[in-house]
């Protein structure tokens, strides 16, 4: 006599079904946690790329003009950022968004993109010396305004490297 085939549904107990659903839930939560970490790493990589683009533009400005660019002496933050945005957008093809960390942009979605100021603050150097920007190897060219990536604010150095700032950082140099 032939045995009748059982359907798949009859072959599972409620316990087996619950275990399967819980395994799928654990895997889904792991993927979601991983996707958040991947997004943060991608934003940090984009932030570093922004700073390296700014390094290229700052180096080109230094070579073209014989000195590091100087923002106007003003207490008006708007005019200072306008100087940085227009100087590098017009002459060196660095758009305004390059001055803003992608993580900062994501965290401030409620603000209009045009209202966001730069998140990389340039260091002031003397316009009287052509080598002022290169004088000290550990003197930063740009400093990120906050710790958006969790390992300290990013700092751009005269050699083009971008590293997170931490306590005791300059003693290592």
C-alpha atoms as a PDB file:
ATOM      1  CA  UNK A   1       0.000   0.000   0.000  1.00  0.00           C
ATOM      2  CA  UNK A   2       1.108   3.523  -0.798  1.00  0.00           C
ATOM      3  CA  UNK A   3       1.599   6.001   1.943  1.00  0.00           C
ATOM      4  CA  UNK A   4      -0.228   9.278   1.555  1.00  0.00           C
ATOM      5  CA  UNK A   5       2.003  12.347   1.351  1.00  0.00           C
ATOM      6  CA  UNK A   6       1.720  14.775   4.218  1.00  0.00           C
ATOM      7  CA  UNK A   7       1.427  18.439   3.412  1.00  0.00           C
ATOM      8  CA  UNK A   8       4.186  20.760   4.644  1.00  0.00           C
ATOM      9  CA  UNK A   9       1.895  22.524   7.085  1.00  0.00           C
ATOM     10  CA  UNK A  10       1.067  19.304   8.843  1.00  0.00           C
ATOM     11  CA  UNK A  11       4.788  18.602   9.140  1.00  0.00           C
ATOM     12  CA  UNK A  12       5.553  21.645  11.393  1.00  0.00           C
ATOM     13  CA  UNK A  13       4.702  21.979  15.033  1.00  0.00           C
ATOM     14  CA  UNK A  14       3.908  25.326  16.589  1.00  0.00           C
ATOM     15  CA  UNK A  15       7.258  25.270  18.433  1.00  0.00           C
ATOM     16  CA  UNK A  16       9.193  24.790  15.183  1.00  0.00           C
ATOM     17  CA  UNK A  17       7.274  27.644  13.612  1.00  0.00           C
ATOM     18  CA  UNK A  18       7.988  29.971  16.565  1.00  0.00           C
ATOM     19  CA  UNK A  19      11.691  29.082  16.509  1.00  0.00           C
ATOM     20  CA  UNK A  20      11.856  29.835  12.775  1.00  0.00           C
ATOM     21  CA  UNK A  21      10.134  33.195  13.225  1.00  0.00           C
ATOM     22  CA  UNK A  22      12.440  34.143  16.120  1.00  0.00           C
ATOM     23  CA  UNK A  23      15.545  33.238  14.098  1.00  0.00           C
ATOM     24  CA  UNK A  24      14.315  35.429  11.248  1.00  0.00           C
ATOM     25  CA  UNK A  25      13.614  38.276  13.721  1.00  0.00           C
ATOM     26  CA  UNK A  26      17.139  38.034  15.192  1.00  0.00           C
ATOM     27  CA  UNK A  27      18.696  38.052  11.719  1.00  0.00           C
ATOM     28  CA  UNK A  28      16.571  41.042  10.691  1.00  0.00           C
ATOM     29  CA  UNK A  29      17.624  43.010  13.789  1.00  0.00           C
ATOM     30  CA  UNK A  30      21.283  42.211  13.075  1.00  0.00           C
ATOM     31  CA  UNK A  31      20.924  43.463   9.499  1.00  0.00           C
ATOM     32  CA  UNK A  32      19.270  46.685  10.701  1.00  0.00           C
ATOM     33  CA  UNK A  33      22.043  47.308  13.240  1.00  0.00           C
ATOM     34  CA  UNK A  34      24.651  46.584  10.603  1.00  0.00           C
ATOM     35  CA  UNK A  35      23.015  48.952   8.109  1.00  0.00           C
ATOM     36  CA  UNK A  36      23.200  51.788  10.666  1.00  0.00           C
ATOM     37  CA  UNK A  37      26.904  51.093  11.201  1.00  0.00           C
ATOM     38  CA  UNK A  38      27.475  50.996   7.440  1.00  0.00           C
ATOM     39  CA  UNK A  39      25.659  54.341   7.023  1.00  0.00           C
ATOM     40  CA  UNK A  40      27.818  55.934   9.760  1.00  0.00           C
ATOM     41  CA  UNK A  41      31.029  54.581   8.189  1.00  0.00           C
ATOM     42  CA  UNK A  42      29.947  55.843   4.757  1.00  0.00           C
ATOM     43  CA  UNK A  43      29.212  59.293   6.206  1.00  0.00           C
ATOM     44  CA  UNK A  44      32.620  59.349   7.891  1.00  0.00           C
ATOM     45  CA  UNK A  45      34.300  58.377   4.612  1.00  0.00           C
ATOM     46  CA  UNK A  46      32.383  61.150   2.814  1.00  0.00           C
ATOM     47  CA  UNK A  47      33.437  63.594   5.547  1.00  0.00           C
ATOM     48  CA  UNK A  48      37.101  62.644   5.083  1.00  0.00           C
ATOM     49  CA  UNK A  49      36.684  62.988   1.304  1.00  0.00           C
ATOM     50  CA  UNK A  50      35.226  66.486   1.822  1.00  0.00           C
ATOM     51  CA  UNK A  51      38.212  67.463   3.944  1.00  0.00           C
ATOM     52  CA  UNK A  52      40.654  66.101   1.372  1.00  0.00           C
ATOM     53  CA  UNK A  53      38.883  68.060  -1.382  1.00  0.00           C
ATOM     54  CA  UNK A  54      39.224  71.165   0.754  1.00  0.00           C
ATOM     55  CA  UNK A  55      42.912  70.316   1.310  1.00  0.00           C
ATOM     56  CA  UNK A  56      43.429  70.260  -2.453  1.00  0.00           C
ATOM     57  CA  UNK A  57      41.683  73.616  -2.848  1.00  0.00           C
ATOM     58  CA  UNK A  58      43.572  75.190   0.076  1.00  0.00           C
ATOM     59  CA  UNK A  59      46.879  73.923  -1.347  1.00  0.00           C
ATOM     60  CA  UNK A  60      46.022  75.302  -4.779  1.00  0.00           C
ATOM     61  CA  UNK A  61      45.075  78.671  -3.254  1.00  0.00           C
ATOM     62  CA  UNK A  62      48.353  78.715  -1.325  1.00  0.00           C
ATOM     63  CA  UNK A  63      50.311  77.941  -4.498  1.00  0.00           C
ATOM     64  CA  UNK A  64      48.389  80.468  -6.629  1.00  0.00           C
ATOM     65  CA  UNK A  65      48.484  83.362  -4.170  1.00  0.00           C
ATOM     66  CA  UNK A  66      51.614  82.705  -2.120  1.00  0.00           C
ATOM     67  CA  UNK A  67      49.726  82.568   1.175  1.00  0.00           C
ATOM     68  CA  UNK A  68      47.002  80.726   2.999  1.00  0.00           C
ATOM     69  CA  UNK A  69      43.550  82.274   2.465  1.00  0.00           C
ATOM     70  CA  UNK A  70      42.402  84.689   5.168  1.00  0.00           C
ATOM     71  CA  UNK A  71      38.754  85.191   6.003  1.00  0.00           C
ATOM     72  CA  UNK A  72      37.809  88.795   6.725  1.00  0.00           C
ATOM     73  CA  UNK A  73      38.323  90.032  10.285  1.00  0.00           C
ATOM     74  CA  UNK A  74      34.686  90.196  11.237  1.00  0.00           C
ATOM     75  CA  UNK A  75      32.432  89.144  14.059  1.00  0.00           C
ATOM     76  CA  UNK A  76      29.728  88.414  11.493  1.00  0.00           C
ATOM     77  CA  UNK A  77      29.756  84.656  10.992  1.00  0.00           C
ATOM     78  CA  UNK A  78      27.705  84.983   7.803  1.00  0.00           C
ATOM     79  CA  UNK A  79      30.351  87.112   6.044  1.00  0.00           C
ATOM     80  CA  UNK A  80      33.145  84.759   7.111  1.00  0.00           C
ATOM     81  CA  UNK A  81      31.366  81.688   5.705  1.00  0.00           C
ATOM     82  CA  UNK A  82      30.396  83.612   2.565  1.00  0.00           C
ATOM     83  CA  UNK A  83      34.109  84.307   2.031  1.00  0.00           C
ATOM     84  CA  UNK A  84      35.002  80.603   2.270  1.00  0.00           C
ATOM     85  CA  UNK A  85      32.055  79.428   0.168  1.00  0.00           C
ATOM     86  CA  UNK A  86      32.480  81.953  -2.658  1.00  0.00           C
ATOM     87  CA  UNK A  87      36.292  81.905  -2.795  1.00  0.00           C
ATOM     88  CA  UNK A  88      36.468  78.165  -3.292  1.00  0.00           C
ATOM     89  CA  UNK A  89      33.299  77.661  -5.299  1.00  0.00           C
ATOM     90  CA  UNK A  90      34.217  80.240  -7.926  1.00  0.00           C
ATOM     91  CA  UNK A  91      37.945  79.611  -8.275  1.00  0.00           C
ATOM     92  CA  UNK A  92      38.398  75.973  -7.278  1.00  0.00           C
ATOM     93  CA  UNK A  93      35.026  74.344  -8.006  1.00  0.00           C
ATOM     94  CA  UNK A  94      34.351  73.397  -4.373  1.00  0.00           C
ATOM     95  CA  UNK A  95      30.579  73.591  -3.794  1.00  0.00           C
ATOM     96  CA  UNK A  96      29.060  74.787  -0.521  1.00  0.00           C
ATOM     97  CA  UNK A  97      27.988  71.256   0.455  1.00  0.00           C
ATOM     98  CA  UNK A  98      31.658  70.175   0.546  1.00  0.00           C
ATOM     99  CA  UNK A  99      32.077  72.391   3.629  1.00  0.00           C
ATOM    100  CA  UNK A 100      29.360  70.488   5.516  1.00  0.00           C
ATOM    101  CA  UNK A 101      29.809  67.065   7.124  1.00  0.00           C
ATOM    102  CA  UNK A 102      27.213  64.573   5.779  1.00  0.00           C
ATOM    103  CA  UNK A 103      26.389  63.434   9.330  1.00  0.00           C
ATOM    104  CA  UNK A 104      25.765  67.024  10.407  1.00  0.00           C
ATOM    105  CA  UNK A 105      23.571  67.520   7.335  1.00  0.00           C
ATOM    106  CA  UNK A 106      21.555  64.379   8.171  1.00  0.00           C
ATOM    107  CA  UNK A 107      21.142  65.385  11.820  1.00  0.00           C
ATOM    108  CA  UNK A 108      19.957  68.881  10.815  1.00  0.00           C
ATOM    109  CA  UNK A 109      17.386  67.925   8.169  1.00  0.00           C
ATOM    110  CA  UNK A 110      14.927  70.461   9.559  1.00  0.00           C
ATOM    111  CA  UNK A 111      17.211  73.320   8.534  1.00  0.00           C
ATOM    112  CA  UNK A 112      17.247  74.650   4.993  1.00  0.00           C
ATOM    113  CA  UNK A 113      20.443  73.545   3.218  1.00  0.00           C
ATOM    114  CA  UNK A 114      21.290  77.192   2.495  1.00  0.00           C
ATOM    115  CA  UNK A 115      21.111  78.012   6.221  1.00  0.00           C
ATOM    116  CA  UNK A 116      23.743  75.430   7.175  1.00  0.00           C
ATOM    117  CA  UNK A 117      27.180  76.857   7.874  1.00  0.00           C
ATOM    118  CA  UNK A 118      30.392  74.997   7.277  1.00  0.00           C
ATOM    119  CA  UNK A 119      31.363  72.312   9.736  1.00  0.00           C
ATOM    120  CA  UNK A 120      35.095  72.461   8.929  1.00  0.00           C
ATOM    121  CA  UNK A 121      36.689  75.529  10.495  1.00  0.00           C
ATOM    122  CA  UNK A 122      39.856  76.751   8.738  1.00  0.00           C
ATOM    123  CA  UNK A 123      42.832  77.793  10.843  1.00  0.00           C
ATOM    124  CA  UNK A 124      43.987  81.396  10.551  1.00  0.00           C
ATOM    125  CA  UNK A 125      47.511  81.978   9.275  1.00  0.00           C
ATOM    126  CA  UNK A 126      49.502  85.081   8.546  1.00  0.00           C
ATOM    127  CA  UNK A 127      49.117  86.360   4.988  1.00  0.00           C
ATOM    128  CA  UNK A 128      52.656  87.822   5.220  1.00  0.00           C
ATOM    129  CA  UNK A 129      54.434  84.461   5.004  1.00  0.00           C
ATOM    130  CA  UNK A 130      54.130  82.183   1.994  1.00  0.00           C
ATOM    131  CA  UNK A 131      55.008  79.184   4.143  1.00  0.00           C
ATOM    132  CA  UNK A 132      52.770  80.021   7.090  1.00  0.00           C
ATOM    133  CA  UNK A 133      50.408  77.132   6.453  1.00  0.00           C
ATOM    134  CA  UNK A 134      53.323  74.695   6.334  1.00  0.00           C
ATOM    135  CA  UNK A 135      55.216  76.051   9.343  1.00  0.00           C
ATOM    136  CA  UNK A 136      54.245  73.326  11.819  1.00  0.00           C
ATOM    137  CA  UNK A 137      53.569  69.735  10.860  1.00  0.00           C
ATOM    138  CA  UNK A 138      51.002  69.293  13.595  1.00  0.00           C
ATOM    139  CA  UNK A 139      49.209  72.621  12.987  1.00  0.00           C
ATOM    140  CA  UNK A 140      45.744  71.752  11.629  1.00  0.00           C
ATOM    141  CA  UNK A 141      44.400  73.378   8.496  1.00  0.00           C
ATOM    142  CA  UNK A 142      40.779  72.452   9.199  1.00  0.00           C
ATOM    143  CA  UNK A 143      39.033  71.275  12.344  1.00  0.00           C
ATOM    144  CA  UNK A 144      35.571  69.737  12.360  1.00  0.00           C
ATOM    145  CA  UNK A 145      33.206  71.603  14.698  1.00  0.00           C
ATOM    146  CA  UNK A 146      31.993  68.522  16.555  1.00  0.00           C
ATOM    147  CA  UNK A 147      32.509  64.854  17.179  1.00  0.00           C
ATOM    148  CA  UNK A 148      30.039  63.653  14.541  1.00  0.00           C
ATOM    149  CA  UNK A 149      31.690  60.257  14.081  1.00  0.00           C
ATOM    150  CA  UNK A 150      32.310  59.118  17.639  1.00  0.00           C
ATOM    151  CA  UNK A 151      36.119  59.039  17.740  1.00  0.00           C
ATOM    152  CA  UNK A 152      36.817  62.738  18.155  1.00  0.00           C
ATOM    153  CA  UNK A 153      36.483  65.650  15.782  1.00  0.00           C
ATOM    154  CA  UNK A 154      38.317  65.178  12.508  1.00  0.00           C
ATOM    155  CA  UNK A 155      41.380  67.328  11.843  1.00  0.00           C
ATOM    156  CA  UNK A 156      43.025  68.032   8.458  1.00  0.00           C
ATOM    157  CA  UNK A 157      46.815  68.437   8.584  1.00  0.00           C
ATOM    158  CA  UNK A 158      49.275  70.109   6.155  1.00  0.00           C
ATOM    159  CA  UNK A 159      50.334  66.709   4.769  1.00  0.00           C
ATOM    160  CA  UNK A 160      46.728  66.036   3.674  1.00  0.00           C
ATOM    161  CA  UNK A 161      46.032  63.446   6.351  1.00  0.00           C
ATOM    162  CA  UNK A 162      42.722  63.496   8.201  1.00  0.00           C
ATOM    163  CA  UNK A 163      42.719  62.058  11.701  1.00  0.00           C
ATOM    164  CA  UNK A 164      40.381  62.202  14.670  1.00  0.00           C
ATOM    165  CA  UNK A 165      41.473  64.505  17.472  1.00  0.00           C
ATOM    166  CA  UNK A 166      41.851  62.980  20.907  1.00  0.00           C
ATOM    167  CA  UNK A 167      43.360  64.095  24.215  1.00  0.00           C
ATOM    168  CA  UNK A 168      47.146  63.900  24.052  1.00  0.00           C
ATOM    169  CA  UNK A 169      47.077  63.909  20.244  1.00  0.00           C
ATOM    170  CA  UNK A 170      49.713  66.611  19.701  1.00  0.00           C
ATOM    171  CA  UNK A 171      52.220  65.062  22.118  1.00  0.00           C
ATOM    172  CA  UNK A 172      52.550  62.100  19.702  1.00  0.00           C
ATOM    173  CA  UNK A 173      53.718  64.255  16.805  1.00  0.00           C
END
